[in-house]
PDB file of N, CA and C in Angstrom:
ATOM      1  N   UNK A   1       0.850  -1.173  -0.001  1.00  0.00           N
ATOM      2  CA  UNK A   1      -0.017   0.011   0.018  1.00  0.00           C
ATOM      3  C   UNK A   1       0.927   1.260  -0.002  1.00  0.00           C
ATOM      4  N   UNK A   2       0.611   2.131  -0.969  1.00  0.00           N
ATOM      5  CA  UNK A   2       1.416   3.419  -1.043  1.00  0.00           C
ATOM      6  C   UNK A   2       0.996   4.245   0.149  1.00  0.00           C
ATOM      7  N   UNK A   3       2.074   4.727   0.937  1.00  0.00           N
ATOM      8  CA  UNK A   3       1.760   5.508   2.148  1.00  0.00           C
ATOM      9  C   UNK A   3       1.143   6.866   1.932  1.00  0.00           C
ATOM     10  N   UNK A   4       1.278   7.392   0.660  1.00  0.00           N
ATOM     11  CA  UNK A   4       0.573   8.695   0.281  1.00  0.00           C
ATOM     12  C   UNK A   4      -0.786   8.654  -0.173  1.00  0.00           C
ATOM     13  N   UNK A   5      -1.367   7.508  -0.262  1.00  0.00           N
ATOM     14  CA  UNK A   5      -2.738   7.383  -0.523  1.00  0.00           C
ATOM     15  C   UNK A   5      -3.556   7.826   0.744  1.00  0.00           C
ATOM     16  N   UNK A   6      -4.794   8.129   0.543  1.00  0.00           N
ATOM     17  CA  UNK A   6      -5.620   8.587   1.700  1.00  0.00           C
ATOM     18  C   UNK A   6      -6.745   7.550   2.041  1.00  0.00           C
ATOM     19  N   UNK A   7      -7.229   7.689   3.251  1.00  0.00           N
ATOM     20  CA  UNK A   7      -8.365   6.899   3.689  1.00  0.00           C
ATOM     21  C   UNK A   7      -9.298   7.737   4.488  1.00  0.00           C
ATOM     22  N   UNK A   8     -10.544   7.301   4.581  1.00  0.00           N
ATOM     23  CA  UNK A   8     -11.571   7.937   5.433  1.00  0.00           C
ATOM     24  C   UNK A   8     -11.565   7.385   6.804  1.00  0.00           C
ATOM     25  N   UNK A   9     -11.592   8.289   7.810  1.00  0.00           N
ATOM     26  CA  UNK A   9     -11.535   7.834   9.258  1.00  0.00           C
ATOM     27  C   UNK A   9     -12.703   8.427   9.852  1.00  0.00           C
ATOM     28  N   UNK A  10     -13.503   7.638  10.587  1.00  0.00           N
ATOM     29  CA  UNK A  10     -14.625   8.141  11.412  1.00  0.00           C
ATOM     30  C   UNK A  10     -14.193   9.228  12.346  1.00  0.00           C
ATOM     31  N   UNK A  11     -14.917  10.290  12.443  1.00  0.00           N
ATOM     32  CA  UNK A  11     -14.514  11.430  13.307  1.00  0.00           C
ATOM     33  C   UNK A  11     -14.365  10.993  14.770  1.00  0.00           C
ATOM     34  N   UNK A  12     -15.041   9.969  15.198  1.00  0.00           N
ATOM     35  CA  UNK A  12     -14.951   9.511  16.497  1.00  0.00           C
ATOM     36  C   UNK A  12     -13.503   8.944  16.819  1.00  0.00           C
ATOM     37  N   UNK A  13     -13.031   8.262  15.817  1.00  0.00           N
ATOM     38  CA  UNK A  13     -11.688   7.687  15.892  1.00  0.00           C
ATOM     39  C   UNK A  13     -10.656   8.782  15.796  1.00  0.00           C
ATOM     40  N   UNK A  14     -10.794   9.697  14.774  1.00  0.00           N
ATOM     41  CA  UNK A  14      -9.831  10.721  14.574  1.00  0.00           C
ATOM     42  C   UNK A  14      -9.764  11.742  15.633  1.00  0.00           C
ATOM     43  N   UNK A  15     -10.887  12.110  16.210  1.00  0.00           N
ATOM     44  CA  UNK A  15     -10.938  13.207  17.171  1.00  0.00           C
ATOM     45  C   UNK A  15     -10.909  12.782  18.639  1.00  0.00           C
ATOM     46  N   UNK A  16     -11.486  11.624  18.982  1.00  0.00           N
ATOM     47  CA  UNK A  16     -11.598  11.256  20.391  1.00  0.00           C
ATOM     48  C   UNK A  16     -10.877   9.981  20.768  1.00  0.00           C
ATOM     49  N   UNK A  17     -10.287   9.325  19.766  1.00  0.00           N
ATOM     50  CA  UNK A  17      -9.512   8.105  20.115  1.00  0.00           C
ATOM     51  C   UNK A  17     -10.315   6.865  20.276  1.00  0.00           C
ATOM     52  N   UNK A  18     -11.553   6.810  19.823  1.00  0.00           N
ATOM     53  CA  UNK A  18     -12.300   5.534  19.775  1.00  0.00           C
ATOM     54  C   UNK A  18     -11.601   4.538  18.948  1.00  0.00           C
ATOM     55  N   UNK A  19     -11.605   3.323  19.384  1.00  0.00           N
ATOM     56  CA  UNK A  19     -10.853   2.247  18.670  1.00  0.00           C
ATOM     57  C   UNK A  19     -11.547   1.908  17.331  1.00  0.00           C
ATOM     58  N   UNK A  20     -10.879   1.580  16.369  1.00  0.00           N
ATOM     59  CA  UNK A  20     -11.365   1.153  15.054  1.00  0.00           C
ATOM     60  C   UNK A  20     -12.005  -0.222  15.263  1.00  0.00           C
ATOM     61  N   UNK A  21     -13.239  -0.354  14.880  1.00  0.00           N
ATOM     62  CA  UNK A  21     -13.987  -1.652  14.989  1.00  0.00           C
ATOM     63  C   UNK A  21     -14.346  -2.177  13.675  1.00  0.00           C
ATOM     64  N   UNK A  22     -14.315  -1.434  12.596  1.00  0.00           N
ATOM     65  CA  UNK A  22     -14.678  -1.953  11.335  1.00  0.00           C
ATOM     66  C   UNK A  22     -13.691  -1.335  10.299  1.00  0.00           C
ATOM     67  N   UNK A  23     -13.396  -2.117   9.283  1.00  0.00           N
ATOM     68  CA  UNK A  23     -12.555  -1.609   8.127  1.00  0.00           C
ATOM     69  C   UNK A  23     -13.112  -2.075   6.841  1.00  0.00           C
ATOM     70  N   UNK A  24     -13.352  -1.250   5.955  1.00  0.00           N
ATOM     71  CA  UNK A  24     -13.967  -1.617   4.693  1.00  0.00           C
ATOM     72  C   UNK A  24     -13.153  -0.996   3.527  1.00  0.00           C
ATOM     73  N   UNK A  25     -12.860  -1.815   2.542  1.00  0.00           N
ATOM     74  CA  UNK A  25     -12.133  -1.270   1.390  1.00  0.00           C
ATOM     75  C   UNK A  25     -12.971  -1.303   0.128  1.00  0.00           C
ATOM     76  N   UNK A  26     -13.452  -0.159  -0.343  1.00  0.00           N
ATOM     77  CA  UNK A  26     -14.259  -0.035  -1.558  1.00  0.00           C
ATOM     78  C   UNK A  26     -13.397   0.408  -2.725  1.00  0.00           C
ATOM     79  N   UNK A  27     -13.949   0.535  -3.863  1.00  0.00           N
ATOM     80  CA  UNK A  27     -13.241   0.993  -5.052  1.00  0.00           C
ATOM     81  C   UNK A  27     -12.868   2.512  -4.821  1.00  0.00           C
ATOM     82  N   UNK A  28     -11.606   2.818  -5.061  1.00  0.00           N
ATOM     83  CA  UNK A  28     -11.190   4.152  -5.009  1.00  0.00           C
ATOM     84  C   UNK A  28     -11.957   5.134  -5.880  1.00  0.00           C
ATOM     85  N   UNK A  29     -12.191   6.317  -5.450  1.00  0.00           N
ATOM     86  CA  UNK A  29     -12.956   7.352  -6.292  1.00  0.00           C
ATOM     87  C   UNK A  29     -12.032   8.265  -7.077  1.00  0.00           C
ATOM     88  N   UNK A  30     -10.775   8.267  -6.747  1.00  0.00           N
ATOM     89  CA  UNK A  30      -9.817   9.093  -7.495  1.00  0.00           C
ATOM     90  C   UNK A  30      -8.390   8.540  -7.231  1.00  0.00           C
ATOM     91  N   UNK A  31      -7.384   8.914  -7.905  1.00  0.00           N
ATOM     92  CA  UNK A  31      -6.003   8.363  -7.869  1.00  0.00           C
ATOM     93  C   UNK A  31      -5.385   8.402  -6.437  1.00  0.00           C
ATOM     94  N   UNK A  32      -5.750   9.385  -5.617  1.00  0.00           N
ATOM     95  CA  UNK A  32      -5.195   9.554  -4.243  1.00  0.00           C
ATOM     96  C   UNK A  32      -5.880   8.672  -3.250  1.00  0.00           C
ATOM     97  N   UNK A  33      -7.062   8.069  -3.607  1.00  0.00           N
ATOM     98  CA  UNK A  33      -7.913   7.302  -2.690  1.00  0.00           C
ATOM     99  C   UNK A  33      -7.391   5.887  -2.583  1.00  0.00           C
ATOM    100  N   UNK A  34      -7.237   5.387  -1.395  1.00  0.00           N
ATOM    101  CA  UNK A  34      -6.899   3.931  -1.186  1.00  0.00           C
ATOM    102  C   UNK A  34      -8.156   3.016  -1.150  1.00  0.00           C
ATOM    103  N   UNK A  35      -9.282   3.672  -0.945  1.00  0.00           N
ATOM    104  CA  UNK A  35     -10.553   2.904  -0.866  1.00  0.00           C
ATOM    105  C   UNK A  35     -10.893   2.482   0.583  1.00  0.00           C
ATOM    106  N   UNK A  36      -9.998   2.729   1.496  1.00  0.00           N
ATOM    107  CA  UNK A  36     -10.254   2.356   2.872  1.00  0.00           C
ATOM    108  C   UNK A  36     -11.065   3.292   3.654  1.00  0.00           C
ATOM    109  N   UNK A  37     -11.960   2.624   4.522  1.00  0.00           N
ATOM    110  CA  UNK A  37     -12.778   3.429   5.479  1.00  0.00           C
ATOM    111  C   UNK A  37     -12.595   2.738   6.763  1.00  0.00           C
ATOM    112  N   UNK A  38     -12.199   3.443   7.847  1.00  0.00           N
ATOM    113  CA  UNK A  38     -12.004   2.926   9.148  1.00  0.00           C
ATOM    114  C   UNK A  38     -13.034   3.491  10.044  1.00  0.00           C
ATOM    115  N   UNK A  39     -13.913   2.639  10.635  1.00  0.00           N
ATOM    116  CA  UNK A  39     -15.085   3.045  11.375  1.00  0.00           C
ATOM    117  C   UNK A  39     -15.159   2.642  12.807  1.00  0.00           C
ATOM    118  N   UNK A  40     -15.899   3.434  13.597  1.00  0.00           N
ATOM    119  CA  UNK A  40     -16.188   3.050  14.937  1.00  0.00           C
ATOM    120  C   UNK A  40     -17.356   2.128  15.008  1.00  0.00           C
ATOM    121  N   UNK A  41     -17.844   1.647  16.264  1.00  0.00           N
ATOM    122  CA  UNK A  41     -18.978   0.776  16.380  1.00  0.00           C
ATOM    123  C   UNK A  41     -20.285   1.424  16.005  1.00  0.00           C
ATOM    124  N   UNK A  42     -20.394   2.703  15.866  1.00  0.00           N
ATOM    125  CA  UNK A  42     -21.737   3.352  15.602  1.00  0.00           C
ATOM    126  C   UNK A  42     -21.989   3.162  14.061  1.00  0.00           C
ATOM    127  N   UNK A  43     -23.246   2.690  13.827  1.00  0.00           N
ATOM    128  CA  UNK A  43     -23.663   2.329  12.422  1.00  0.00           C
ATOM    129  C   UNK A  43     -23.874   3.552  11.538  1.00  0.00           C
ATOM    130  N   UNK A  44     -24.569   4.566  12.034  1.00  0.00           N
ATOM    131  CA  UNK A  44     -24.921   5.735  11.154  1.00  0.00           C
ATOM    132  C   UNK A  44     -24.011   6.914  11.444  1.00  0.00           C
ATOM    133  N   UNK A  45     -23.463   7.400  10.327  1.00  0.00           N
ATOM    134  CA  UNK A  45     -22.626   8.658  10.429  1.00  0.00           C
ATOM    135  C   UNK A  45     -23.002   9.542   9.298  1.00  0.00           C
ATOM    136  N   UNK A  46     -23.160  10.831   9.572  1.00  0.00           N
ATOM    137  CA  UNK A  46     -23.290  11.778   8.435  1.00  0.00           C
ATOM    138  C   UNK A  46     -22.093  11.712   7.572  1.00  0.00           C
ATOM    139  N   UNK A  47     -22.385  11.717   6.261  1.00  0.00           N
ATOM    140  CA  UNK A  47     -21.183  11.655   5.317  1.00  0.00           C
ATOM    141  C   UNK A  47     -20.147  12.752   5.581  1.00  0.00           C
ATOM    142  N   UNK A  48     -20.581  13.878   6.027  1.00  0.00           N
ATOM    143  CA  UNK A  48     -19.622  14.957   6.370  1.00  0.00           C
ATOM    144  C   UNK A  48     -18.803  14.758   7.576  1.00  0.00           C
ATOM    145  N   UNK A  49     -19.020  13.676   8.365  1.00  0.00           N
ATOM    146  CA  UNK A  49     -18.261  13.487   9.567  1.00  0.00           C
ATOM    147  C   UNK A  49     -16.958  12.777   9.392  1.00  0.00           C
ATOM    148  N   UNK A  50     -16.708  12.166   8.183  1.00  0.00           N
ATOM    149  CA  UNK A  50     -15.478  11.525   7.897  1.00  0.00           C
ATOM    150  C   UNK A  50     -14.223  12.442   7.787  1.00  0.00           C
ATOM    151  N   UNK A  51     -13.133  11.986   8.282  1.00  0.00           N
ATOM    152  CA  UNK A  51     -11.863  12.745   8.174  1.00  0.00           C
ATOM    153  C   UNK A  51     -10.979  12.039   7.115  1.00  0.00           C
ATOM    154  N   UNK A  52     -10.170  12.787   6.454  1.00  0.00           N
ATOM    155  CA  UNK A  52      -9.254  12.274   5.396  1.00  0.00           C
ATOM    156  C   UNK A  52      -7.892  12.210   6.055  1.00  0.00           C
ATOM    157  N   UNK A  53      -7.273  10.988   6.137  1.00  0.00           N
ATOM    158  CA  UNK A  53      -5.937  10.872   6.583  1.00  0.00           C
ATOM    159  C   UNK A  53      -5.119  10.165   5.525  1.00  0.00           C
ATOM    160  N   UNK A  54      -3.790  10.443   5.575  1.00  0.00           N
ATOM    161  CA  UNK A  54      -2.845   9.641   4.734  1.00  0.00           C
ATOM    162  C   UNK A  54      -2.740   8.185   5.352  1.00  0.00           C
ATOM    163  N   UNK A  55      -2.524   7.275   4.507  1.00  0.00           N
ATOM    164  CA  UNK A  55      -2.322   5.920   5.000  1.00  0.00           C
ATOM    165  C   UNK A  55      -1.125   5.868   5.917  1.00  0.00           C
ATOM    166  N   UNK A  56      -0.153   6.632   5.650  1.00  0.00           N
ATOM    167  CA  UNK A  56       1.067   6.618   6.573  1.00  0.00           C
ATOM    168  C   UNK A  56       0.700   7.067   7.967  1.00  0.00           C
ATOM    169  N   UNK A  57      -0.231   8.124   8.089  1.00  0.00           N
ATOM    170  CA  UNK A  57      -0.743   8.568   9.348  1.00  0.00           C
ATOM    171  C   UNK A  57      -1.534   7.459  10.042  1.00  0.00           C
ATOM    172  N   UNK A  58      -2.423   6.915   9.355  1.00  0.00           N
ATOM    173  CA  UNK A  58      -3.294   5.871   9.922  1.00  0.00           C
ATOM    174  C   UNK A  58      -2.449   4.711  10.443  1.00  0.00           C
ATOM    175  N   UNK A  59      -1.444   4.282   9.801  1.00  0.00           N
ATOM    176  CA  UNK A  59      -0.642   3.133  10.250  1.00  0.00           C
ATOM    177  C   UNK A  59       0.287   3.571  11.430  1.00  0.00           C
ATOM    178  N   UNK A  60       0.631   4.838  11.493  1.00  0.00           N
ATOM    179  CA  UNK A  60       1.386   5.369  12.630  1.00  0.00           C
ATOM    180  C   UNK A  60       0.588   5.234  13.900  1.00  0.00           C
ATOM    181  N   UNK A  61      -0.662   5.750  13.825  1.00  0.00           N
ATOM    182  CA  UNK A  61      -1.578   5.838  14.972  1.00  0.00           C
ATOM    183  C   UNK A  61      -2.203   4.511  15.268  1.00  0.00           C
ATOM    184  N   UNK A  62      -2.479   3.655  14.260  1.00  0.00           N
ATOM    185  CA  UNK A  62      -3.113   2.364  14.397  1.00  0.00           C
ATOM    186  C   UNK A  62      -2.323   1.254  13.772  1.00  0.00           C
ATOM    187  N   UNK A  63      -1.200   0.902  14.317  1.00  0.00           N
ATOM    188  CA  UNK A  63      -0.361  -0.075  13.752  1.00  0.00           C
ATOM    189  C   UNK A  63      -1.037  -1.465  13.498  1.00  0.00           C
ATOM    190  N   UNK A  64      -2.084  -1.750  14.281  1.00  0.00           N
ATOM    191  CA  UNK A  64      -2.754  -3.001  14.135  1.00  0.00           C
ATOM    192  C   UNK A  64      -3.323  -3.151  12.751  1.00  0.00           C
ATOM    193  N   UNK A  65      -3.483  -2.039  12.022  1.00  0.00           N
ATOM    194  CA  UNK A  65      -4.018  -2.155  10.619  1.00  0.00           C
ATOM    195  C   UNK A  65      -3.024  -2.760   9.606  1.00  0.00           C
ATOM    196  N   UNK A  66      -1.705  -2.786  10.036  1.00  0.00           N
ATOM    197  CA  UNK A  66      -0.701  -3.390   9.142  1.00  0.00           C
ATOM    198  C   UNK A  66      -1.123  -4.818   8.654  1.00  0.00           C
ATOM    199  N   UNK A  67      -1.868  -5.555   9.546  1.00  0.00           N
ATOM    200  CA  UNK A  67      -2.261  -6.889   9.220  1.00  0.00           C
ATOM    201  C   UNK A  67      -3.237  -6.985   8.068  1.00  0.00           C
ATOM    202  N   UNK A  68      -3.957  -5.867   7.724  1.00  0.00           N
ATOM    203  CA  UNK A  68      -5.027  -5.960   6.689  1.00  0.00           C
ATOM    204  C   UNK A  68      -4.770  -4.900   5.632  1.00  0.00           C
ATOM    205  N   UNK A  69      -3.860  -3.969   5.752  1.00  0.00           N
ATOM    206  CA  UNK A  69      -3.836  -2.886   4.890  1.00  0.00           C
ATOM    207  C   UNK A  69      -3.728  -3.206   3.361  1.00  0.00           C
ATOM    208  N   UNK A  70      -3.119  -4.268   3.044  1.00  0.00           N
ATOM    209  CA  UNK A  70      -2.922  -4.692   1.647  1.00  0.00           C
ATOM    210  C   UNK A  70      -4.116  -5.603   1.165  1.00  0.00           C
ATOM    211  N   UNK A  71      -5.136  -5.757   1.899  1.00  0.00           N
ATOM    212  CA  UNK A  71      -6.268  -6.514   1.465  1.00  0.00           C
ATOM    213  C   UNK A  71      -6.903  -5.928   0.223  1.00  0.00           C
ATOM    214  N   UNK A  72      -7.460  -6.796  -0.648  1.00  0.00           N
ATOM    215  CA  UNK A  72      -8.016  -6.303  -1.939  1.00  0.00           C
ATOM    216  C   UNK A  72      -9.248  -5.508  -1.718  1.00  0.00           C
ATOM    217  N   UNK A  73      -9.592  -4.733  -2.777  1.00  0.00           N
ATOM    218  CA  UNK A  73     -10.856  -4.020  -2.856  1.00  0.00           C
ATOM    219  C   UNK A  73     -11.995  -4.959  -2.632  1.00  0.00           C
ATOM    220  N   UNK A  74     -12.996  -4.528  -1.865  1.00  0.00           N
ATOM    221  CA  UNK A  74     -14.148  -5.432  -1.524  1.00  0.00           C
ATOM    222  C   UNK A  74     -13.986  -6.059  -0.249  1.00  0.00           C
ATOM    223  N   UNK A  75     -12.868  -6.024   0.470  1.00  0.00           N
ATOM    224  CA  UNK A  75     -12.635  -6.597   1.778  1.00  0.00           C
ATOM    225  C   UNK A  75     -13.475  -5.808   2.874  1.00  0.00           C
ATOM    226  N   UNK A  76     -13.811  -6.599   3.807  1.00  0.00           N
ATOM    227  CA  UNK A  76     -14.545  -6.062   5.035  1.00  0.00           C
ATOM    228  C   UNK A  76     -14.036  -6.837   6.259  1.00  0.00           C
ATOM    229  N   UNK A  77     -13.681  -6.042   7.277  1.00  0.00           N
ATOM    230  CA  UNK A  77     -13.133  -6.666   8.500  1.00  0.00           C
ATOM    231  C   UNK A  77     -13.885  -6.032   9.728  1.00  0.00           C
ATOM    232  N   UNK A  78     -13.921  -6.828  10.825  1.00  0.00           N
ATOM    233  CA  UNK A  78     -14.376  -6.361  12.121  1.00  0.00           C
ATOM    234  C   UNK A  78     -13.298  -6.708  13.078  1.00  0.00           C
ATOM    235  N   UNK A  79     -13.148  -5.910  14.178  1.00  0.00           N
ATOM    236  CA  UNK A  79     -12.122  -6.169  15.235  1.00  0.00           C
ATOM    237  C   UNK A  79     -12.827  -7.120  16.227  1.00  0.00           C
ATOM    238  N   UNK A  80     -12.080  -8.177  16.544  1.00  0.00           N
ATOM    239  CA  UNK A  80     -12.515  -9.162  17.560  1.00  0.00           C
ATOM    240  C   UNK A  80     -11.328  -9.711  18.246  1.00  0.00           C
ATOM    241  N   UNK A  81     -11.344  -9.615  19.602  1.00  0.00           N
ATOM    242  CA  UNK A  81     -10.158 -10.088  20.336  1.00  0.00           C
ATOM    243  C   UNK A  81      -8.872  -9.559  19.890  1.00  0.00           C
ATOM    244  N   UNK A  82      -8.908  -8.252  19.700  1.00  0.00           N
ATOM    245  CA  UNK A  82      -7.664  -7.491  19.312  1.00  0.00           C
ATOM    246  C   UNK A  82      -7.109  -7.985  17.929  1.00  0.00           C
ATOM    247  N   UNK A  83      -7.921  -8.614  17.105  1.00  0.00           N
ATOM    248  CA  UNK A  83      -7.514  -8.917  15.679  1.00  0.00           C
ATOM    249  C   UNK A  83      -8.598  -8.579  14.809  1.00  0.00           C
ATOM    250  N   UNK A  84      -8.214  -8.199  13.511  1.00  0.00           N
ATOM    251  CA  UNK A  84      -9.164  -8.022  12.493  1.00  0.00           C
ATOM    252  C   UNK A  84      -9.624  -9.354  11.903  1.00  0.00           C
ATOM    253  N   UNK A  85     -10.919  -9.610  11.714  1.00  0.00           N
ATOM    254  CA  UNK A  85     -11.423 -10.821  11.195  1.00  0.00           C
ATOM    255  C   UNK A  85     -12.183 -10.431   9.956  1.00  0.00           C
ATOM    256  N   UNK A  86     -11.910 -11.085   8.841  1.00  0.00           N
ATOM    257  CA  UNK A  86     -12.577 -10.765   7.656  1.00  0.00           C
ATOM    258  C   UNK A  86     -13.992 -11.336   7.710  1.00  0.00           C
ATOM    259  N   UNK A  87     -14.979 -10.443   7.371  1.00  0.00           N
ATOM    260  CA  UNK A  87     -16.404 -10.901   7.441  1.00  0.00           C
ATOM    261  C   UNK A  87     -17.125 -10.916   6.074  1.00  0.00           C
ATOM    262  N   UNK A  88     -16.414 -10.782   4.970  1.00  0.00           N
ATOM    263  CA  UNK A  88     -17.005 -10.933   3.774  1.00  0.00           C
ATOM    264  C   UNK A  88     -16.681  -9.679   2.830  1.00  0.00           C
ATOM    265  N   UNK A  89     -17.221  -9.772   1.663  1.00  0.00           N
ATOM    266  CA  UNK A  89     -16.966  -8.737   0.617  1.00  0.00           C
ATOM    267  C   UNK A  89     -18.029  -7.641   0.716  1.00  0.00           C
ATOM    268  N   UNK A  90     -17.615  -6.446   0.340  1.00  0.00           N
ATOM    269  CA  UNK A  90     -18.557  -5.308   0.208  1.00  0.00           C
ATOM    270  C   UNK A  90     -19.446  -5.440  -0.951  1.00  0.00           C
TER     271      UNK A  90
END
């Protein structure tokens, strides 16, 4: 994964330190987009509440993501027992 690509981070994670509970990789919308979205346990978020971080920033703050960061587009993970478990395709 190129460290200069970006990801969407839930504002609860970015601003208050809530742990990442879900990780979803969709098709990128532009060349700088990794397709990754890192989300908290809350199901509904206003679209405007997402924060854009570089992949390098995400991995510095959340090194546990190194185990899944190269997963293919369409991957979906949940955190369970301090590990990300793949739960199917998007």
